Full PDB file with SEQRES, HELIX, SHEET, SSBOND, CRYST1, ORIGX, SCALE, CONECT and MASTER records, all heavy atoms in Angstrom:
SEQRES   1 A   31  GLU GLY CYS LEU PHE THR HIS SER GLY SER LEU GLY ILE          
SEQRES   2 A   31  ARG ARG SER GLN MET ALA ARG ARG LYS LEU SER ARG GLU          
SEQRES   3 A   31  ILE ILE ARG VAL THR                                          
HELIX    1 AA1 GLY A    2  SER A    8  1                                   7    
CRYST1    1.000    1.000    1.000  90.00  90.00  90.00 P 1           1          
ORIGX1      1.000000  0.000000  0.000000        0.00000                         
ORIGX2      0.000000  1.000000  0.000000        0.00000                         
ORIGX3      0.000000  0.000000  1.000000        0.00000                         
SCALE1      1.000000  0.000000  0.000000        0.00000                         
SCALE2      0.000000  1.000000  0.000000        0.00000                         
SCALE3      0.000000  0.000000  1.000000        0.00000                         
ATOM      1  N   GLU A   1       0.836  -1.205   0.000  1.00  0.00           N  
ATOM      2  CA  GLU A   1       0.000   0.000   0.000  1.00  0.00           C  
ATOM      3  C   GLU A   1       0.869   1.252   0.000  1.00  0.00           C  
ATOM      4  O   GLU A   1       0.582   2.229  -0.711  1.00  0.00           O  
ATOM      5  CB  GLU A   1      -0.927  -0.010   1.215  1.00  0.00           C  
ATOM      6  CG  GLU A   1      -2.070  -1.013   1.108  1.00  0.00           C  
ATOM      7  CD  GLU A   1      -2.971  -0.986   2.322  1.00  0.00           C  
ATOM      8  OE1 GLU A   1      -2.572  -0.379   3.335  1.00  0.00           O  
ATOM      9  OE2 GLU A   1      -4.061  -1.573   2.260  1.00  0.00           O  
ATOM     10  N   GLY A   2       1.928   1.255   0.805  1.00  0.00           N  
ATOM     11  CA  GLY A   2       2.825   2.404   0.830  1.00  0.00           C  
ATOM     12  C   GLY A   2       3.453   2.658  -0.530  1.00  0.00           C  
ATOM     13  O   GLY A   2       3.585   3.806  -0.965  1.00  0.00           O  
ATOM     14  N   CYS A   3       3.848   1.572  -1.193  1.00  0.00           N  
ATOM     15  CA  CYS A   3       4.439   1.697  -2.524  1.00  0.00           C  
ATOM     16  C   CYS A   3       3.423   2.255  -3.517  1.00  0.00           C  
ATOM     17  O   CYS A   3       3.749   3.115  -4.354  1.00  0.00           O  
ATOM     18  CB  CYS A   3       4.953   0.331  -2.970  1.00  0.00           C  
ATOM     19  SG  CYS A   3       5.849   0.350  -4.533  1.00  0.00           S  
ATOM     20  N   LEU A   4       2.178   1.795  -3.433  1.00  0.00           N  
ATOM     21  CA  LEU A   4       1.130   2.292  -4.327  1.00  0.00           C  
ATOM     22  C   LEU A   4       0.893   3.787  -4.132  1.00  0.00           C  
ATOM     23  O   LEU A   4       0.823   4.562  -5.098  1.00  0.00           O  
ATOM     24  CB  LEU A   4      -0.170   1.520  -4.077  1.00  0.00           C  
ATOM     25  CG  LEU A   4      -0.474   0.329  -4.982  1.00  0.00           C  
ATOM     26  CD1 LEU A   4      -1.765  -0.352  -4.535  1.00  0.00           C  
ATOM     27  CD2 LEU A   4      -0.595   0.768  -6.432  1.00  0.00           C  
ATOM     28  N   PHE A   5       0.743   4.213  -2.881  1.00  0.00           N  
ATOM     29  CA  PHE A   5       0.513   5.636  -2.617  1.00  0.00           C  
ATOM     30  C   PHE A   5       1.684   6.485  -3.109  1.00  0.00           C  
ATOM     31  O   PHE A   5       1.501   7.562  -3.679  1.00  0.00           O  
ATOM     32  CB  PHE A   5       0.315   5.863  -1.112  1.00  0.00           C  
ATOM     33  CG  PHE A   5      -1.077   5.546  -0.627  1.00  0.00           C  
ATOM     34  CD1 PHE A   5      -1.274   4.665   0.428  1.00  0.00           C  
ATOM     35  CD2 PHE A   5      -2.189   6.132  -1.212  1.00  0.00           C  
ATOM     36  CE1 PHE A   5      -2.548   4.370   0.885  1.00  0.00           C  
ATOM     37  CE2 PHE A   5      -3.477   5.841  -0.768  1.00  0.00           C  
ATOM     38  CZ  PHE A   5      -3.657   4.963   0.288  1.00  0.00           C  
ATOM     39  N   THR A   6       2.893   6.005  -2.895  1.00  0.00           N  
ATOM     40  CA  THR A   6       4.082   6.788  -3.255  1.00  0.00           C  
ATOM     41  C   THR A   6       4.247   6.935  -4.757  1.00  0.00           C  
ATOM     42  O   THR A   6       4.520   8.025  -5.263  1.00  0.00           O  
ATOM     43  CB  THR A   6       5.340   6.135  -2.665  1.00  0.00           C  
ATOM     44  OG1 THR A   6       5.231   6.094  -1.243  1.00  0.00           O  
ATOM     45  CG2 THR A   6       6.595   6.916  -3.052  1.00  0.00           C  
ATOM     46  N   HIS A   7       4.064   5.857  -5.500  1.00  0.00           N  
ATOM     47  CA  HIS A   7       4.460   5.857  -6.906  1.00  0.00           C  
ATOM     48  C   HIS A   7       3.307   5.963  -7.907  1.00  0.00           C  
ATOM     49  O   HIS A   7       3.554   6.212  -9.089  1.00  0.00           O  
ATOM     50  CB  HIS A   7       5.281   4.597  -7.213  1.00  0.00           C  
ATOM     51  CG  HIS A   7       6.552   4.510  -6.434  1.00  0.00           C  
ATOM     52  ND1 HIS A   7       7.605   5.367  -6.637  1.00  0.00           N  
ATOM     53  CD2 HIS A   7       6.933   3.671  -5.435  1.00  0.00           C  
ATOM     54  CE1 HIS A   7       8.581   5.069  -5.802  1.00  0.00           C  
ATOM     55  NE2 HIS A   7       8.211   4.055  -5.062  1.00  0.00           N  
ATOM     56  N   SER A   8       2.057   5.780  -7.454  1.00  0.00           N  
ATOM     57  CA  SER A   8       0.947   5.891  -8.398  1.00  0.00           C  
ATOM     58  C   SER A   8       0.225   7.225  -8.290  1.00  0.00           C  
ATOM     59  O   SER A   8      -0.516   7.603  -9.198  1.00  0.00           O  
ATOM     60  CB  SER A   8      -0.058   4.759  -8.162  1.00  0.00           C  
ATOM     61  OG  SER A   8      -0.792   4.978  -6.961  1.00  0.00           O  
ATOM     62  N   GLY A   9       0.421   7.928  -7.166  1.00  0.00           N  
ATOM     63  CA  GLY A   9      -0.307   9.172  -6.966  1.00  0.00           C  
ATOM     64  C   GLY A   9      -1.741   8.948  -6.556  1.00  0.00           C  
ATOM     65  O   GLY A   9      -2.533   9.903  -6.474  1.00  0.00           O  
ATOM     66  N   SER A  10      -2.113   7.706  -6.254  1.00  0.00           N  
ATOM     67  CA  SER A  10      -3.484   7.403  -5.872  1.00  0.00           C  
ATOM     68  C   SER A  10      -3.826   8.029  -4.531  1.00  0.00           C  
ATOM     69  O   SER A  10      -2.979   8.149  -3.640  1.00  0.00           O  
ATOM     70  CB  SER A  10      -3.679   5.883  -5.792  1.00  0.00           C  
ATOM     71  OG  SER A  10      -4.952   5.568  -5.262  1.00  0.00           O  
ATOM     72  N   LEU A  11      -5.106   8.434  -4.385  1.00  0.00           N  
ATOM     73  CA  LEU A  11      -5.585   8.982  -3.120  1.00  0.00           C  
ATOM     74  C   LEU A  11      -6.389   7.961  -2.329  1.00  0.00           C  
ATOM     75  O   LEU A  11      -6.813   8.240  -1.202  1.00  0.00           O  
ATOM     76  CB  LEU A  11      -6.444  10.229  -3.378  1.00  0.00           C  
ATOM     77  CG  LEU A  11      -5.733  11.379  -4.111  1.00  0.00           C  
ATOM     78  CD1 LEU A  11      -6.698  12.541  -4.314  1.00  0.00           C  
ATOM     79  CD2 LEU A  11      -4.509  11.835  -3.334  1.00  0.00           C  
ATOM     80  N   GLY A  12      -6.613   6.798  -2.908  1.00  0.00           N  
ATOM     81  CA  GLY A  12      -7.390   5.774  -2.218  1.00  0.00           C  
ATOM     82  C   GLY A  12      -7.155   4.400  -2.826  1.00  0.00           C  
ATOM     83  O   GLY A  12      -6.984   4.264  -4.042  1.00  0.00           O  
ATOM     84  N   ILE A  13      -7.132   3.394  -1.973  1.00  0.00           N  
ATOM     85  CA  ILE A  13      -6.874   2.018  -2.415  1.00  0.00           C  
ATOM     86  C   ILE A  13      -7.962   1.109  -1.856  1.00  0.00           C  
ATOM     87  O   ILE A  13      -8.285   1.171  -0.665  1.00  0.00           O  
ATOM     88  CB  ILE A  13      -5.493   1.531  -1.920  1.00  0.00           C  
ATOM     89  CG1 ILE A  13      -4.370   2.402  -2.497  1.00  0.00           C  
ATOM     90  CG2 ILE A  13      -5.269   0.069  -2.279  1.00  0.00           C  
ATOM     91  CD1 ILE A  13      -3.014   2.138  -1.864  1.00  0.00           C  
ATOM     92  N   ARG A  14      -8.533   0.312  -2.701  1.00  0.00           N  
ATOM     93  CA  ARG A  14      -9.480  -0.707  -2.246  1.00  0.00           C  
ATOM     94  C   ARG A  14      -8.698  -1.983  -1.928  1.00  0.00           C  
ATOM     95  O   ARG A  14      -7.777  -2.336  -2.665  1.00  0.00           O  
ATOM     96  CB  ARG A  14     -10.527  -1.008  -3.323  1.00  0.00           C  
ATOM     97  CG  ARG A  14     -11.382   0.184  -3.690  1.00  0.00           C  
ATOM     98  CD  ARG A  14     -12.423  -0.174  -4.745  1.00  0.00           C  
ATOM     99  NE  ARG A  14     -11.808  -0.614  -5.992  1.00  0.00           N  
ATOM    100  CZ  ARG A  14     -11.370   0.222  -6.931  1.00  0.00           C  
ATOM    101  NH1 ARG A  14     -11.428   1.529  -6.754  1.00  0.00           N  
ATOM    102  NH2 ARG A  14     -10.847  -0.248  -8.048  1.00  0.00           N  
ATOM    103  N   ARG A  15      -9.055  -2.655  -0.849  1.00  0.00           N  
ATOM    104  CA  ARG A  15      -8.348  -3.882  -0.518  1.00  0.00           C  
ATOM    105  C   ARG A  15      -9.336  -4.948  -0.079  1.00  0.00           C  
ATOM    106  O   ARG A  15     -10.386  -4.665   0.500  1.00  0.00           O  
ATOM    107  CB  ARG A  15      -7.310  -3.635   0.565  1.00  0.00           C  
ATOM    108  CG  ARG A  15      -7.864  -3.287   1.915  1.00  0.00           C  
ATOM    109  CD  ARG A  15      -6.736  -2.917   2.871  1.00  0.00           C  
ATOM    110  NE  ARG A  15      -7.233  -2.624   4.207  1.00  0.00           N  
ATOM    111  CZ  ARG A  15      -6.625  -1.829   5.071  1.00  0.00           C  
ATOM    112  NH1 ARG A  15      -5.490  -1.245   4.722  1.00  0.00           N  
ATOM    113  NH2 ARG A  15      -7.118  -1.634   6.266  1.00  0.00           N  
ATOM    114  N   SER A  16      -8.985  -6.167  -0.364  1.00  0.00           N  
ATOM    115  CA  SER A  16      -9.823  -7.306   0.023  1.00  0.00           C  
ATOM    116  C   SER A  16      -8.931  -8.519   0.206  1.00  0.00           C  
ATOM    117  O   SER A  16      -7.794  -8.567  -0.300  1.00  0.00           O  
ATOM    118  CB  SER A  16     -10.877  -7.590  -1.052  1.00  0.00           C  
ATOM    119  OG  SER A  16     -10.259  -7.854  -2.301  1.00  0.00           O  
ATOM    120  N   GLN A  17      -9.419  -9.479   0.959  1.00  0.00           N  
ATOM    121  CA  GLN A  17      -8.714 -10.738   1.147  1.00  0.00           C  
ATOM    122  C   GLN A  17      -9.454 -11.821   0.375  1.00  0.00           C  
ATOM    123  O   GLN A  17     -10.676 -11.904   0.403  1.00  0.00           O  
ATOM    124  CB  GLN A  17      -8.628 -11.114   2.630  1.00  0.00           C  
ATOM    125  CG  GLN A  17      -7.619 -10.283   3.401  1.00  0.00           C  
ATOM    126  CD  GLN A  17      -7.429 -10.796   4.810  1.00  0.00           C  
ATOM    127  OE1 GLN A  17      -8.396 -11.016   5.516  1.00  0.00           O  
ATOM    128  NE2 GLN A  17      -6.186 -10.980   5.220  1.00  0.00           N  
ATOM    129  N   MET A  18      -8.685 -12.645  -0.303  1.00  0.00           N  
ATOM    130  CA  MET A  18      -9.271 -13.704  -1.123  1.00  0.00           C  
ATOM    131  C   MET A  18      -8.577 -15.028  -0.860  1.00  0.00           C  
ATOM    132  O   MET A  18      -7.370 -15.076  -0.646  1.00  0.00           O  
ATOM    133  CB  MET A  18      -9.150 -13.364  -2.617  1.00  0.00           C  
ATOM    134  CG  MET A  18     -10.001 -12.208  -3.058  1.00  0.00           C  
ATOM    135  SD  MET A  18     -10.009 -12.028  -4.861  1.00  0.00           S  
ATOM    136  CE  MET A  18     -11.133 -10.647  -5.035  1.00  0.00           C  
ATOM    137  N   ALA A  19      -9.364 -16.081  -0.867  1.00  0.00           N  
ATOM    138  CA  ALA A  19      -8.789 -17.421  -0.769  1.00  0.00           C  
ATOM    139  C   ALA A  19      -8.159 -17.767  -2.105  1.00  0.00           C  
ATOM    140  O   ALA A  19      -8.650 -17.381  -3.167  1.00  0.00           O  
ATOM    141  CB  ALA A  19      -9.867 -18.433  -0.409  1.00  0.00           C  
ATOM    142  N   ARG A  20      -7.055 -18.488  -2.046  1.00  0.00           N  
ATOM    143  CA  ARG A  20      -6.340 -18.850  -3.262  1.00  0.00           C  
ATOM    144  C   ARG A  20      -6.049 -20.352  -3.241  1.00  0.00           C  
ATOM    145  O   ARG A  20      -5.590 -20.882  -2.240  1.00  0.00           O  
ATOM    146  CB  ARG A  20      -5.034 -18.053  -3.370  1.00  0.00           C  
ATOM    147  CG  ARG A  20      -4.214 -18.378  -4.607  1.00  0.00           C  
ATOM    148  CD  ARG A  20      -3.010 -17.470  -4.717  1.00  0.00           C  
ATOM    149  NE  ARG A  20      -2.049 -17.663  -3.639  1.00  0.00           N  
ATOM    150  CZ  ARG A  20      -0.741 -17.436  -3.746  1.00  0.00           C  
ATOM    151  NH1 ARG A  20      -0.246 -16.982  -4.874  1.00  0.00           N  
ATOM    152  NH2 ARG A  20       0.071 -17.634  -2.725  1.00  0.00           N  
ATOM    153  N   ARG A  21      -6.309 -21.004  -4.328  1.00  0.00           N  
ATOM    154  CA  ARG A  21      -5.974 -22.412  -4.478  1.00  0.00           C  
ATOM    155  C   ARG A  21      -4.884 -22.511  -5.538  1.00  0.00           C  
ATOM    156  O   ARG A  21      -4.992 -21.919  -6.597  1.00  0.00           O  
ATOM    157  CB  ARG A  21      -7.196 -23.215  -4.901  1.00  0.00           C  
ATOM    158  CG  ARG A  21      -6.924 -24.694  -5.134  1.00  0.00           C  
ATOM    159  CD  ARG A  21      -8.173 -25.397  -5.603  1.00  0.00           C  
ATOM    160  NE  ARG A  21      -7.906 -26.780  -5.967  1.00  0.00           N  
ATOM    161  CZ  ARG A  21      -8.798 -27.591  -6.512  1.00  0.00           C  
ATOM    162  NH1 ARG A  21     -10.029 -27.141  -6.744  1.00  0.00           N  
ATOM    163  NH2 ARG A  21      -8.489 -28.828  -6.826  1.00  0.00           N  
ATOM    164  N   LYS A  22      -3.835 -23.260  -5.218  1.00  0.00           N  
ATOM    165  CA  LYS A  22      -2.731 -23.358  -6.165  1.00  0.00           C  
ATOM    166  C   LYS A  22      -2.189 -24.771  -6.175  1.00  0.00           C  
ATOM    167  O   LYS A  22      -2.313 -25.518  -5.200  1.00  0.00           O  
ATOM    168  CB  LYS A  22      -1.621 -22.365  -5.792  1.00  0.00           C  
ATOM    169  CG  LYS A  22      -1.137 -22.492  -4.355  1.00  0.00           C  
ATOM    170  CD  LYS A  22      -0.138 -21.408  -4.014  1.00  0.00           C  
ATOM    171  CE  LYS A  22       0.325 -21.554  -2.564  1.00  0.00           C  
ATOM    172  NZ  LYS A  22       1.311 -20.533  -2.184  1.00  0.00           N  
ATOM    173  N   LEU A  23      -1.578 -25.132  -7.273  1.00  0.00           N  
ATOM    174  CA  LEU A  23      -0.986 -26.450  -7.386  1.00  0.00           C  
ATOM    175  C   LEU A  23       0.313 -26.516  -6.597  1.00  0.00           C  
ATOM    176  O   LEU A  23       1.035 -25.534  -6.471  1.00  0.00           O  
ATOM    177  CB  LEU A  23      -0.705 -26.777  -8.861  1.00  0.00           C  
ATOM    178  CG  LEU A  23      -1.903 -26.855  -9.796  1.00  0.00           C  
ATOM    179  CD1 LEU A  23      -1.433 -27.199 -11.201  1.00  0.00           C  
ATOM    180  CD2 LEU A  23      -2.921 -27.878  -9.313  1.00  0.00           C  
ATOM    181  N   SER A  24       0.597 -27.700  -6.068  1.00  0.00           N  
ATOM    182  CA  SER A  24       1.885 -27.925  -5.428  1.00  0.00           C  
ATOM    183  C   SER A  24       2.965 -27.780  -6.490  1.00  0.00           C  
ATOM    184  O   SER A  24       2.865 -28.340  -7.580  1.00  0.00           O  
ATOM    185  CB  SER A  24       1.922 -29.327  -4.822  1.00  0.00           C  
ATOM    186  OG  SER A  24       3.180 -29.590  -4.266  1.00  0.00           O  
ATOM    187  N   ARG A  25       4.017 -27.037  -6.158  1.00  0.00           N  
ATOM    188  CA  ARG A  25       5.030 -26.749  -7.176  1.00  0.00           C  
ATOM    189  C   ARG A  25       6.412 -26.664  -6.560  1.00  0.00           C  
ATOM    190  O   ARG A  25       6.564 -26.492  -5.355  1.00  0.00           O  
ATOM    191  CB  ARG A  25       4.703 -25.434  -7.883  1.00  0.00           C  
ATOM    192  CG  ARG A  25       4.948 -24.222  -7.017  1.00  0.00           C  
ATOM    193  CD  ARG A  25       4.378 -22.962  -7.615  1.00  0.00           C  
ATOM    194  NE  ARG A  25       2.941 -22.912  -7.449  1.00  0.00           N  
ATOM    195  CZ  ARG A  25       2.179 -21.892  -7.819  1.00  0.00           C  
ATOM    196  NH1 ARG A  25       2.733 -20.847  -8.389  1.00  0.00           N  
ATOM    197  NH2 ARG A  25       0.887 -21.915  -7.625  1.00  0.00           N  
ATOM    198  N   GLU A  26       7.407 -26.750  -7.398  1.00  0.00           N  
ATOM    199  CA  GLU A  26       8.783 -26.547  -6.983  1.00  0.00           C  
ATOM    200  C   GLU A  26       9.604 -26.109  -8.185  1.00  0.00           C  
ATOM    201  O   GLU A  26       9.209 -26.293  -9.337  1.00  0.00           O  
ATOM    202  CB  GLU A  26       9.380 -27.809  -6.361  1.00  0.00           C  
ATOM    203  CG  GLU A  26       9.479 -28.988  -7.313  1.00  0.00           C  
ATOM    204  CD  GLU A  26      10.113 -30.196  -6.631  1.00  0.00           C  
ATOM    205  OE1 GLU A  26      11.253 -30.071  -6.159  1.00  0.00           O  
ATOM    206  OE2 GLU A  26       9.481 -31.259  -6.590  1.00  0.00           O  
ATOM    207  N   ILE A  27      10.739 -25.507  -7.904  1.00  0.00           N  
ATOM    208  CA  ILE A  27      11.667 -25.088  -8.952  1.00  0.00           C  
ATOM    209  C   ILE A  27      12.741 -26.159  -9.081  1.00  0.00           C  
ATOM    210  O   ILE A  27      13.339 -26.567  -8.088  1.00  0.00           O  
ATOM    211  CB  ILE A  27      12.325 -23.736  -8.615  1.00  0.00           C  
ATOM    212  CG1 ILE A  27      11.263 -22.632  -8.482  1.00  0.00           C  
ATOM    213  CG2 ILE A  27      13.363 -23.364  -9.666  1.00  0.00           C  
ATOM    214  CD1 ILE A  27      10.612 -22.251  -9.792  1.00  0.00           C  
ATOM    215  N   ILE A  28      12.971 -26.629 -10.292  1.00  0.00           N  
ATOM    216  CA  ILE A  28      14.039 -27.595 -10.529  1.00  0.00           C  
ATOM    217  C   ILE A  28      15.021 -26.998 -11.537  1.00  0.00           C  
ATOM    218  O   ILE A  28      14.664 -26.135 -12.341  1.00  0.00           O  
ATOM    219  CB  ILE A  28      13.499 -28.946 -11.056  1.00  0.00           C  
ATOM    220  CG1 ILE A  28      12.763 -28.766 -12.389  1.00  0.00           C  
ATOM    221  CG2 ILE A  28      12.576 -29.585 -10.027  1.00  0.00           C  
ATOM    222  CD1 ILE A  28      12.342 -30.082 -13.030  1.00  0.00           C  
ATOM    223  N   ARG A  29      16.260 -27.447 -11.438  1.00  0.00           N  
ATOM    224  CA  ARG A  29      17.293 -27.026 -12.384  1.00  0.00           C  
ATOM    225  C   ARG A  29      17.590 -28.188 -13.323  1.00  0.00           C  
ATOM    226  O   ARG A  29      17.724 -29.325 -12.878  1.00  0.00           O  
ATOM    227  CB  ARG A  29      18.570 -26.620 -11.656  1.00  0.00           C  
ATOM    228  CG  ARG A  29      18.500 -25.260 -10.995  1.00  0.00           C  
ATOM    229  CD  ARG A  29      19.842 -24.863 -10.407  1.00  0.00           C  
ATOM    230  NE  ARG A  29      19.813 -23.524  -9.869  1.00  0.00           N  
ATOM    231  CZ  ARG A  29      20.034 -22.425 -10.576  1.00  0.00           C  
ATOM    232  NH1 ARG A  29      20.326 -22.520 -11.864  1.00  0.00           N  
ATOM    233  NH2 ARG A  29      19.980 -21.233 -10.015  1.00  0.00           N  
ATOM    234  N   VAL A  30      17.674 -27.889 -14.595  1.00  0.00           N  
ATOM    235  CA  VAL A  30      17.962 -28.933 -15.579  1.00  0.00           C  
ATOM    236  C   VAL A  30      19.141 -28.502 -16.440  1.00  0.00           C  
ATOM    237  O   VAL A  30      19.433 -27.307 -16.583  1.00  0.00           O  
ATOM    238  CB  VAL A  30      16.735 -29.230 -16.467  1.00  0.00           C  
ATOM    239  CG1 VAL A  30      15.584 -29.771 -15.638  1.00  0.00           C  
ATOM    240  CG2 VAL A  30      16.304 -27.984 -17.232  1.00  0.00           C  
ATOM    241  N   THR A  31      19.816 -29.488 -17.004  1.00  0.00           N  
ATOM    242  CA  THR A  31      20.955 -29.229 -17.884  1.00  0.00           C  
ATOM    243  C   THR A  31      20.565 -29.513 -19.323  1.00  0.00           C  
ATOM    244  O   THR A  31      20.026 -30.584 -19.633  1.00  0.00           O  
ATOM    245  CB  THR A  31      22.155 -30.108 -17.479  1.00  0.00           C  
ATOM    246  OG1 THR A  31      22.499 -29.828 -16.114  1.00  0.00           O  
ATOM    247  CG2 THR A  31      23.359 -29.817 -18.367  1.00  0.00           C  
TER     248      THR A  31                                                      
MASTER        0    0    0    1    0    0    0    6  247    1    0    3          
END                                                                             
């Protein structure tokens, strides 16, 4: 929020919390 106010010039921000479902994941390195 601080970053948004500083760099967008916005005078108001809407915020909400949302549930998120995501797949199990990992980063692998390959050659």
